[in-house]
Amino acid sequence: MVDDERIARFGVGEEEQLFAALRSSPNSWLAPCAEFALETAARRSEMLAAEWKHYDPEVGTIWLPVAKNGKGRFLLLTIRAQEIVESLRGRGEGGRIFKVDRDALVTAYRRARAMAQMDHWRWHDFRYEAISRACEGDMTDMELMDFSGHLDVKSLRRYRHPRPEIMVPVFARLKLRVAESRRCGLWREPRGAAQAAASSSSRSVEKALGSRFLRGRPCGRSIRE
C-alpha cells in the first residue's frame, strides 16, 4: 500500500545521481520508463497498461480505458514524454507501449536504486515529484487534476509539495498581473464577504489562482506570461 502522506522531492543532485544508475542498468526499459513517469505523473500500473492503439501523436495523449480511479482518463504528454514514446521499439507490433514485465522492472529498479545509494526513493515518488513540479507552474487545481488523474482536490493536495523558493516568485508575478489587470479595467472584484476576505494581498493571490477572476488578457498579454 502506498503511503500518500509522505513528502517526496529530489534533493540537490539526487535526480542526476539516480538517472545515471538507471541508464547503466542492463534493462534497457528502465530509464525510459522512469523518465516517462517523471514527465507524466503516470502510475506504474497505468504506464505498463498503456497501448499503442490509444496513443494520439497529434494531440499528445494516451487514453487509459481503465485507470486506478476506476474511470478512463487521458495521460497528458509533455514534449519530452512524447519524445520518449516515439523512441520506443515495437510500435509496429501494437499492444503495450512499454513492453517490459512488471517484476523485471521492479527488480531492475531496486538494483539501480541501491547502486545510486537512494534506497529511500520509491517508484511512486516519481509521481510525487511530477505533480509537485506541475504545481510550481501556472496551473489551477482542476488543470492539475486533469494532469494527475485525481478525482478530488483533497487527494491531489497530498501530492502537492511545491518548493517555496519557486512559488514566491510565482506569487510575485501574479500580484503584478493582478495590479496590471486592475489598471486596464480587466479585473472583476469578488463581492460581499469574499470581497472583505480578499482585502489582504495573500488572499487576493489565493483567490486569483483558484478561480481566475480575470475576464480577459491584461493589456493584451497572456495571463500565462
C-alpha atoms as a PDB file:
ATOM      1  CA  MET A   1       0.000   0.000   0.000  1.00  0.00           C
ATOM      2  CA  VAL A   2       1.305   3.435  -0.993  1.00  0.00           C
ATOM      3  CA  ASP A   3       1.710   5.994   1.776  1.00  0.00           C
ATOM      4  CA  ASP A   4       0.209   9.152   0.222  1.00  0.00           C
ATOM      5  CA  GLU A   5       1.005  11.304   3.256  1.00  0.00           C
ATOM      6  CA  ARG A   6       4.801  11.368   2.868  1.00  0.00           C
ATOM      7  CA  ILE A   7       6.672  14.169   1.133  1.00  0.00           C
ATOM      8  CA  ALA A   8       8.983  13.099  -1.669  1.00  0.00           C
ATOM      9  CA  ARG A   9      11.104  15.585  -3.641  1.00  0.00           C
ATOM     10  CA  PHE A  10      14.523  15.192  -5.183  1.00  0.00           C
ATOM     11  CA  GLY A  11      17.344  16.692  -3.146  1.00  0.00           C
ATOM     12  CA  VAL A  12      20.258  18.525  -4.706  1.00  0.00           C
ATOM     13  CA  GLY A  13      21.944  16.245  -7.246  1.00  0.00           C
ATOM     14  CA  GLU A  14      19.719  13.257  -6.500  1.00  0.00           C
ATOM     15  CA  GLU A  15      17.882  13.212  -9.823  1.00  0.00           C
ATOM     16  CA  GLU A  16      21.142  13.109 -11.792  1.00  0.00           C
ATOM     17  CA  GLN A  17      22.554  10.516  -9.398  1.00  0.00           C
ATOM     18  CA  LEU A  18      19.554   8.215  -9.746  1.00  0.00           C
ATOM     19  CA  PHE A  19      19.177   8.512 -13.517  1.00  0.00           C
ATOM     20  CA  ALA A  20      22.883   7.806 -14.056  1.00  0.00           C
ATOM     21  CA  ALA A  21      22.310   4.461 -12.338  1.00  0.00           C
ATOM     22  CA  LEU A  22      19.077   3.828 -14.226  1.00  0.00           C
ATOM     23  CA  ARG A  23      20.753   4.403 -17.584  1.00  0.00           C
ATOM     24  CA  SER A  24      23.556   1.995 -16.693  1.00  0.00           C
ATOM     25  CA  SER A  25      21.088  -0.820 -15.994  1.00  0.00           C
ATOM     26  CA  PRO A  26      21.160  -3.847 -18.331  1.00  0.00           C
ATOM     27  CA  ASN A  27      17.374  -3.492 -18.539  1.00  0.00           C
ATOM     28  CA  SER A  28      17.028  -1.011 -21.421  1.00  0.00           C
ATOM     29  CA  TRP A  29      13.415  -0.222 -20.496  1.00  0.00           C
ATOM     30  CA  LEU A  30      14.238   1.068 -17.029  1.00  0.00           C
ATOM     31  CA  ALA A  31      15.447   4.605 -17.778  1.00  0.00           C
ATOM     32  CA  PRO A  32      12.724   5.462 -20.338  1.00  0.00           C
ATOM     33  CA  CYS A  33      10.013   4.120 -18.015  1.00  0.00           C
ATOM     34  CA  ALA A  34      11.310   6.175 -15.086  1.00  0.00           C
ATOM     35  CA  GLU A  35      11.662   9.341 -17.153  1.00  0.00           C
ATOM     36  CA  PHE A  36       8.171   8.859 -18.595  1.00  0.00           C
ATOM     37  CA  ALA A  37       6.771   8.511 -15.067  1.00  0.00           C
ATOM     38  CA  LEU A  38       8.560  11.703 -14.037  1.00  0.00           C
ATOM     39  CA  GLU A  39       7.222  13.597 -17.068  1.00  0.00           C
ATOM     40  CA  THR A  40       3.595  12.445 -16.852  1.00  0.00           C
ATOM     41  CA  ALA A  41       2.943  11.511 -13.190  1.00  0.00           C
ATOM     42  CA  ALA A  42       1.642   8.197 -14.535  1.00  0.00           C
ATOM     43  CA  ARG A  43       1.229   5.405 -12.031  1.00  0.00           C
ATOM     44  CA  ARG A  44       3.339   2.358 -12.828  1.00  0.00           C
ATOM     45  CA  SER A  45       0.255   0.229 -13.439  1.00  0.00           C
ATOM     46  CA  GLU A  46      -1.169   2.829 -15.828  1.00  0.00           C
ATOM     47  CA  MET A  47       2.101   3.193 -17.715  1.00  0.00           C
ATOM     48  CA  LEU A  48       2.538  -0.548 -18.177  1.00  0.00           C
ATOM     49  CA  ALA A  49      -1.069  -0.911 -19.376  1.00  0.00           C
ATOM     50  CA  ALA A  50      -0.834   1.874 -21.983  1.00  0.00           C
ATOM     51  CA  GLU A  51      -1.298   0.614 -25.561  1.00  0.00           C
ATOM     52  CA  TRP A  52      -0.192   1.942 -28.924  1.00  0.00           C
ATOM     53  CA  LYS A  53      -3.738   1.978 -30.278  1.00  0.00           C
ATOM     54  CA  HIS A  54      -4.655   4.567 -27.641  1.00  0.00           C
ATOM     55  CA  TYR A  55      -1.711   6.852 -28.387  1.00  0.00           C
ATOM     56  CA  ASP A  56      -2.610  10.047 -30.259  1.00  0.00           C
ATOM     57  CA  PRO A  57       0.587  11.692 -31.536  1.00  0.00           C
ATOM     58  CA  GLU A  58      -1.298  14.645 -32.993  1.00  0.00           C
ATOM     59  CA  VAL A  59      -2.897  15.665 -29.690  1.00  0.00           C
ATOM     60  CA  GLY A  60      -0.161  14.295 -27.439  1.00  0.00           C
ATOM     61  CA  THR A  61      -2.229  11.957 -25.264  1.00  0.00           C
ATOM     62  CA  ILE A  62      -2.601   8.302 -24.349  1.00  0.00           C
ATOM     63  CA  TRP A  63      -6.098   7.107 -23.476  1.00  0.00           C
ATOM     64  CA  LEU A  64      -6.333   4.778 -20.485  1.00  0.00           C
ATOM     65  CA  PRO A  65      -9.672   2.905 -20.644  1.00  0.00           C
ATOM     66  CA  VAL A  66      -9.314   1.828 -17.013  1.00  0.00           C
ATOM     67  CA  ALA A  67      -7.245   3.907 -14.586  1.00  0.00           C
ATOM     68  CA  LYS A  68      -6.722   3.451 -10.858  1.00  0.00           C
ATOM     69  CA  ASN A  69      -9.587   5.822 -10.097  1.00  0.00           C
ATOM     70  CA  GLY A  70     -11.959   3.332 -11.750  1.00  0.00           C
ATOM     71  CA  LYS A  71     -12.615   5.547 -14.752  1.00  0.00           C
ATOM     72  CA  GLY A  72     -10.911   6.106 -18.043  1.00  0.00           C
ATOM     73  CA  ARG A  73      -8.606   9.096 -18.408  1.00  0.00           C
ATOM     74  CA  PHE A  74      -6.082  10.651 -20.732  1.00  0.00           C
ATOM     75  CA  LEU A  75      -2.388  10.733 -19.962  1.00  0.00           C
ATOM     76  CA  LEU A  76      -1.281  14.227 -20.965  1.00  0.00           C
ATOM     77  CA  LEU A  77       2.149  14.069 -22.558  1.00  0.00           C
ATOM     78  CA  THR A  78       4.822  16.713 -22.261  1.00  0.00           C
ATOM     79  CA  ILE A  79       7.091  17.246 -25.261  1.00  0.00           C
ATOM     80  CA  ARG A  80       9.747  15.087 -23.616  1.00  0.00           C
ATOM     81  CA  ALA A  81       7.225  12.347 -22.738  1.00  0.00           C
ATOM     82  CA  GLN A  82       6.135  12.189 -26.367  1.00  0.00           C
ATOM     83  CA  GLU A  83       9.762  12.003 -27.490  1.00  0.00           C
ATOM     84  CA  ILE A  84      10.213   9.011 -25.179  1.00  0.00           C
ATOM     85  CA  VAL A  85       7.162   7.264 -26.621  1.00  0.00           C
ATOM     86  CA  GLU A  86       8.269   7.936 -30.208  1.00  0.00           C
ATOM     87  CA  SER A  87      11.713   6.471 -29.467  1.00  0.00           C
ATOM     88  CA  LEU A  88      10.407   3.127 -28.210  1.00  0.00           C
ATOM     89  CA  ARG A  89      10.633  -0.035 -30.253  1.00  0.00           C
ATOM     90  CA  GLY A  90       7.701  -2.321 -31.023  1.00  0.00           C
ATOM     91  CA  ARG A  91       5.207   0.226 -32.338  1.00  0.00           C
ATOM     92  CA  GLY A  92       4.576  -1.838 -35.459  1.00  0.00           C
ATOM     93  CA  GLU A  93       3.585  -4.830 -33.337  1.00  0.00           C
ATOM     94  CA  GLY A  94       0.930  -2.892 -31.464  1.00  0.00           C
ATOM     95  CA  GLY A  95      -0.038  -3.958 -27.965  1.00  0.00           C
ATOM     96  CA  ARG A  96       1.561  -2.366 -24.914  1.00  0.00           C
ATOM     97  CA  ILE A  97       3.775   0.673 -25.395  1.00  0.00           C
ATOM     98  CA  PHE A  98       6.180  -0.299 -22.616  1.00  0.00           C
ATOM     99  CA  LYS A  99       6.879  -3.947 -23.393  1.00  0.00           C
ATOM    100  CA  VAL A 100       8.511  -4.819 -20.106  1.00  0.00           C
ATOM    101  CA  ASP A 101       7.376  -7.201 -17.409  1.00  0.00           C
ATOM    102  CA  ARG A 102       6.389  -5.530 -14.128  1.00  0.00           C
ATOM    103  CA  ASP A 103       8.517  -7.842 -11.974  1.00  0.00           C
ATOM    104  CA  ALA A 104      11.546  -7.344 -14.233  1.00  0.00           C
ATOM    105  CA  LEU A 105      11.088  -3.582 -13.990  1.00  0.00           C
ATOM    106  CA  VAL A 106      10.783  -3.699 -10.191  1.00  0.00           C
ATOM    107  CA  THR A 107      13.902  -5.857  -9.835  1.00  0.00           C
ATOM    108  CA  ALA A 108      15.955  -3.687 -12.172  1.00  0.00           C
ATOM    109  CA  TYR A 109      14.838  -0.538 -10.402  1.00  0.00           C
ATOM    110  CA  ARG A 110      15.732  -1.825  -6.948  1.00  0.00           C
ATOM    111  CA  ARG A 111      19.227  -2.759  -8.115  1.00  0.00           C
ATOM    112  CA  ALA A 112      19.816   0.605  -9.813  1.00  0.00           C
ATOM    113  CA  ARG A 113      18.410   2.472  -6.826  1.00  0.00           C
ATOM    114  CA  ALA A 114      20.789   0.650  -4.498  1.00  0.00           C
ATOM    115  CA  MET A 115      23.698   1.418  -6.836  1.00  0.00           C
ATOM    116  CA  ALA A 116      22.757   5.109  -6.643  1.00  0.00           C
ATOM    117  CA  GLN A 117      22.521   4.864  -2.835  1.00  0.00           C
ATOM    118  CA  MET A 118      18.941   6.121  -2.997  1.00  0.00           C
ATOM    119  CA  ASP A 119      17.005   3.319  -1.330  1.00  0.00           C
ATOM    120  CA  HIS A 120      14.596   5.909   0.079  1.00  0.00           C
ATOM    121  CA  TRP A 121      13.306   6.799  -3.407  1.00  0.00           C
ATOM    122  CA  ARG A 122      10.339   4.599  -4.322  1.00  0.00           C
ATOM    123  CA  TRP A 123       8.939   4.308  -7.831  1.00  0.00           C
ATOM    124  CA  HIS A 124       5.764   6.100  -6.743  1.00  0.00           C
ATOM    125  CA  ASP A 125       7.912   9.079  -5.756  1.00  0.00           C
ATOM    126  CA  PHE A 126       8.290   9.941  -9.447  1.00  0.00           C
ATOM    127  CA  ARG A 127       4.575  10.730  -9.311  1.00  0.00           C
ATOM    128  CA  TYR A 128       5.021  12.974  -6.255  1.00  0.00           C
ATOM    129  CA  GLU A 129       7.826  14.861  -7.972  1.00  0.00           C
ATOM    130  CA  ALA A 130       5.928  15.247 -11.250  1.00  0.00           C
ATOM    131  CA  ILE A 131       2.789  16.646  -9.595  1.00  0.00           C
ATOM    132  CA  SER A 132       4.784  18.991  -7.369  1.00  0.00           C
ATOM    133  CA  ARG A 133       6.635  20.325 -10.419  1.00  0.00           C
ATOM    134  CA  ALA A 134       3.356  20.887 -12.244  1.00  0.00           C
ATOM    135  CA  CYS A 135       2.060  22.723  -9.181  1.00  0.00           C
ATOM    136  CA  GLU A 136       5.033  25.083  -9.403  1.00  0.00           C
ATOM    137  CA  GLY A 137       3.749  26.248 -12.777  1.00  0.00           C
ATOM    138  CA  ASP A 138       0.709  28.360 -13.613  1.00  0.00           C
ATOM    139  CA  MET A 139      -1.980  25.667 -13.298  1.00  0.00           C
ATOM    140  CA  THR A 140      -5.284  25.640 -11.462  1.00  0.00           C
ATOM    141  CA  ASP A 141      -6.353  22.726  -9.237  1.00  0.00           C
ATOM    142  CA  MET A 142      -8.673  21.494 -11.994  1.00  0.00           C
ATOM    143  CA  GLU A 143      -5.855  21.532 -14.532  1.00  0.00           C
ATOM    144  CA  LEU A 144      -3.609  19.693 -12.086  1.00  0.00           C
ATOM    145  CA  MET A 145      -6.328  17.076 -11.583  1.00  0.00           C
ATOM    146  CA  ASP A 146      -6.532  16.570 -15.354  1.00  0.00           C
ATOM    147  CA  PHE A 147      -2.780  16.011 -15.344  1.00  0.00           C
ATOM    148  CA  SER A 148      -2.621  13.708 -12.314  1.00  0.00           C
ATOM    149  CA  GLY A 149      -5.885  11.800 -12.720  1.00  0.00           C
ATOM    150  CA  HIS A 150      -7.171  12.645  -9.236  1.00  0.00           C
ATOM    151  CA  LEU A 151     -10.930  12.990  -8.841  1.00  0.00           C
ATOM    152  CA  ASP A 152     -10.914  15.420  -5.907  1.00  0.00           C
ATOM    153  CA  VAL A 153      -8.753  18.253  -4.657  1.00  0.00           C
ATOM    154  CA  LYS A 154      -8.184  16.631  -1.256  1.00  0.00           C
ATOM    155  CA  SER A 155      -6.419  13.669  -2.836  1.00  0.00           C
ATOM    156  CA  LEU A 156      -4.448  15.936  -5.154  1.00  0.00           C
ATOM    157  CA  ARG A 157      -3.134  18.112  -2.341  1.00  0.00           C
ATOM    158  CA  ARG A 158      -1.470  15.157  -0.639  1.00  0.00           C
ATOM    159  CA  TYR A 159       0.890  15.122  -3.618  1.00  0.00           C
ATOM    160  CA  ARG A 160       1.439  18.863  -3.931  1.00  0.00           C
ATOM    161  CA  HIS A 161       4.714  19.901  -2.322  1.00  0.00           C
ATOM    162  CA  PRO A 162       5.999  22.936  -4.247  1.00  0.00           C
ATOM    163  CA  ARG A 163       9.337  24.422  -3.292  1.00  0.00           C
ATOM    164  CA  PRO A 164       8.932  27.801  -1.527  1.00  0.00           C
ATOM    165  CA  GLU A 165      11.853  29.307  -3.420  1.00  0.00           C
ATOM    166  CA  ILE A 166       9.976  28.643  -6.673  1.00  0.00           C
ATOM    167  CA  MET A 167       6.482  29.623  -5.526  1.00  0.00           C
ATOM    168  CA  VAL A 168       7.427  33.018  -4.033  1.00  0.00           C
ATOM    169  CA  PRO A 169       8.391  34.457  -7.456  1.00  0.00           C
ATOM    170  CA  VAL A 170       5.235  32.896  -8.957  1.00  0.00           C
ATOM    171  CA  PHE A 171       3.062  34.751  -6.434  1.00  0.00           C
ATOM    172  CA  ALA A 172       5.041  37.938  -7.017  1.00  0.00           C
ATOM    173  CA  ARG A 173       4.415  37.743 -10.767  1.00  0.00           C
ATOM    174  CA  LEU A 174       0.728  37.069 -10.146  1.00  0.00           C
ATOM    175  CA  LYS A 175       0.432  40.167  -7.962  1.00  0.00           C
ATOM    176  CA  LEU A 176       1.905  42.217 -10.803  1.00  0.00           C
ATOM    177  CA  ARG A 177      -0.580  40.731 -13.287  1.00  0.00           C
ATOM    178  CA  VAL A 178      -3.492  41.436 -10.925  1.00  0.00           C
ATOM    179  CA  ALA A 179      -2.333  45.040 -10.472  1.00  0.00           C
ATOM    180  CA  GLU A 180      -1.958  45.466 -14.228  1.00  0.00           C
ATOM    181  CA  SER A 181      -5.381  43.987 -14.947  1.00  0.00           C
ATOM    182  CA  ARG A 182      -6.939  46.397 -12.440  1.00  0.00           C
ATOM    183  CA  ARG A 183      -5.194  49.280 -14.165  1.00  0.00           C
ATOM    184  CA  CYS A 184      -6.508  48.119 -17.533  1.00  0.00           C
ATOM    185  CA  GLY A 185     -10.042  47.587 -16.203  1.00  0.00           C
ATOM    186  CA  LEU A 186      -9.971  43.810 -16.695  1.00  0.00           C
ATOM    187  CA  TRP A 187     -10.267  42.782 -13.034  1.00  0.00           C
ATOM    188  CA  ARG A 188     -13.642  41.836 -11.549  1.00  0.00           C
ATOM    189  CA  GLU A 189     -13.621  42.259  -7.776  1.00  0.00           C
ATOM    190  CA  PRO A 190     -15.212  39.487  -5.650  1.00  0.00           C
ATOM    191  CA  ARG A 191     -18.426  40.591  -3.961  1.00  0.00           C
ATOM    192  CA  GLY A 192     -19.832  40.513  -0.434  1.00  0.00           C
ATOM    193  CA  ALA A 193     -17.981  38.533   2.217  1.00  0.00           C
ATOM    194  CA  ALA A 194     -15.490  37.329  -0.350  1.00  0.00           C
ATOM    195  CA  GLN A 195     -14.535  40.933  -1.106  1.00  0.00           C
ATOM    196  CA  ALA A 196     -13.652  41.554   2.533  1.00  0.00           C
ATOM    197  CA  ALA A 197     -11.659  38.342   2.649  1.00  0.00           C
ATOM    198  CA  ALA A 198      -9.761  39.393  -0.461  1.00  0.00           C
ATOM    199  CA  SER A 199      -8.581  42.653   1.080  1.00  0.00           C
ATOM    200  CA  SER A 200      -5.194  41.245   2.052  1.00  0.00           C
ATOM    201  CA  SER A 201      -2.759  40.625  -0.769  1.00  0.00           C
ATOM    202  CA  SER A 202      -2.204  36.991   0.178  1.00  0.00           C
ATOM    203  CA  ARG A 203      -5.946  36.274  -0.008  1.00  0.00           C
ATOM    204  CA  SER A 204      -6.180  38.087  -3.322  1.00  0.00           C
ATOM    205  CA  VAL A 205      -3.430  35.889  -4.711  1.00  0.00           C
ATOM    206  CA  GLU A 206      -5.089  32.722  -3.448  1.00  0.00           C
ATOM    207  CA  LYS A 207      -8.435  33.601  -4.994  1.00  0.00           C
ATOM    208  CA  ALA A 208      -6.846  34.687  -8.247  1.00  0.00           C
ATOM    209  CA  LEU A 209      -5.059  31.365  -8.514  1.00  0.00           C
ATOM    210  CA  GLY A 210      -8.115  29.352  -7.523  1.00  0.00           C
ATOM    211  CA  SER A 211     -10.829  30.887  -9.672  1.00  0.00           C
ATOM    212  CA  ARG A 212      -9.174  33.248 -12.195  1.00  0.00           C
ATOM    213  CA  PHE A 213     -11.220  36.416 -11.857  1.00  0.00           C
ATOM    214  CA  LEU A 214      -9.565  37.911 -14.939  1.00  0.00           C
ATOM    215  CA  ARG A 215     -12.143  38.488 -17.652  1.00  0.00           C
ATOM    216  CA  GLY A 216      -9.515  38.891 -20.369  1.00  0.00           C
ATOM    217  CA  ARG A 217      -5.842  39.281 -21.036  1.00  0.00           C
ATOM    218  CA  PRO A 218      -4.137  42.055 -19.080  1.00  0.00           C
ATOM    219  CA  CYS A 219      -3.220  44.821 -21.539  1.00  0.00           C
ATOM    220  CA  GLY A 220      -3.132  42.364 -24.420  1.00  0.00           C
ATOM    221  CA  ARG A 221      -0.685  39.896 -22.841  1.00  0.00           C
ATOM    222  CA  SER A 222      -1.371  36.306 -21.995  1.00  0.00           C
ATOM    223  CA  ILE A 223      -2.114  35.604 -18.325  1.00  0.00           C
ATOM    224  CA  ARG A 224       0.410  32.762 -18.550  1.00  0.00           C
ATOM    225  CA  GLU A 225       3.367  35.074 -19.184  1.00  0.00           C
END
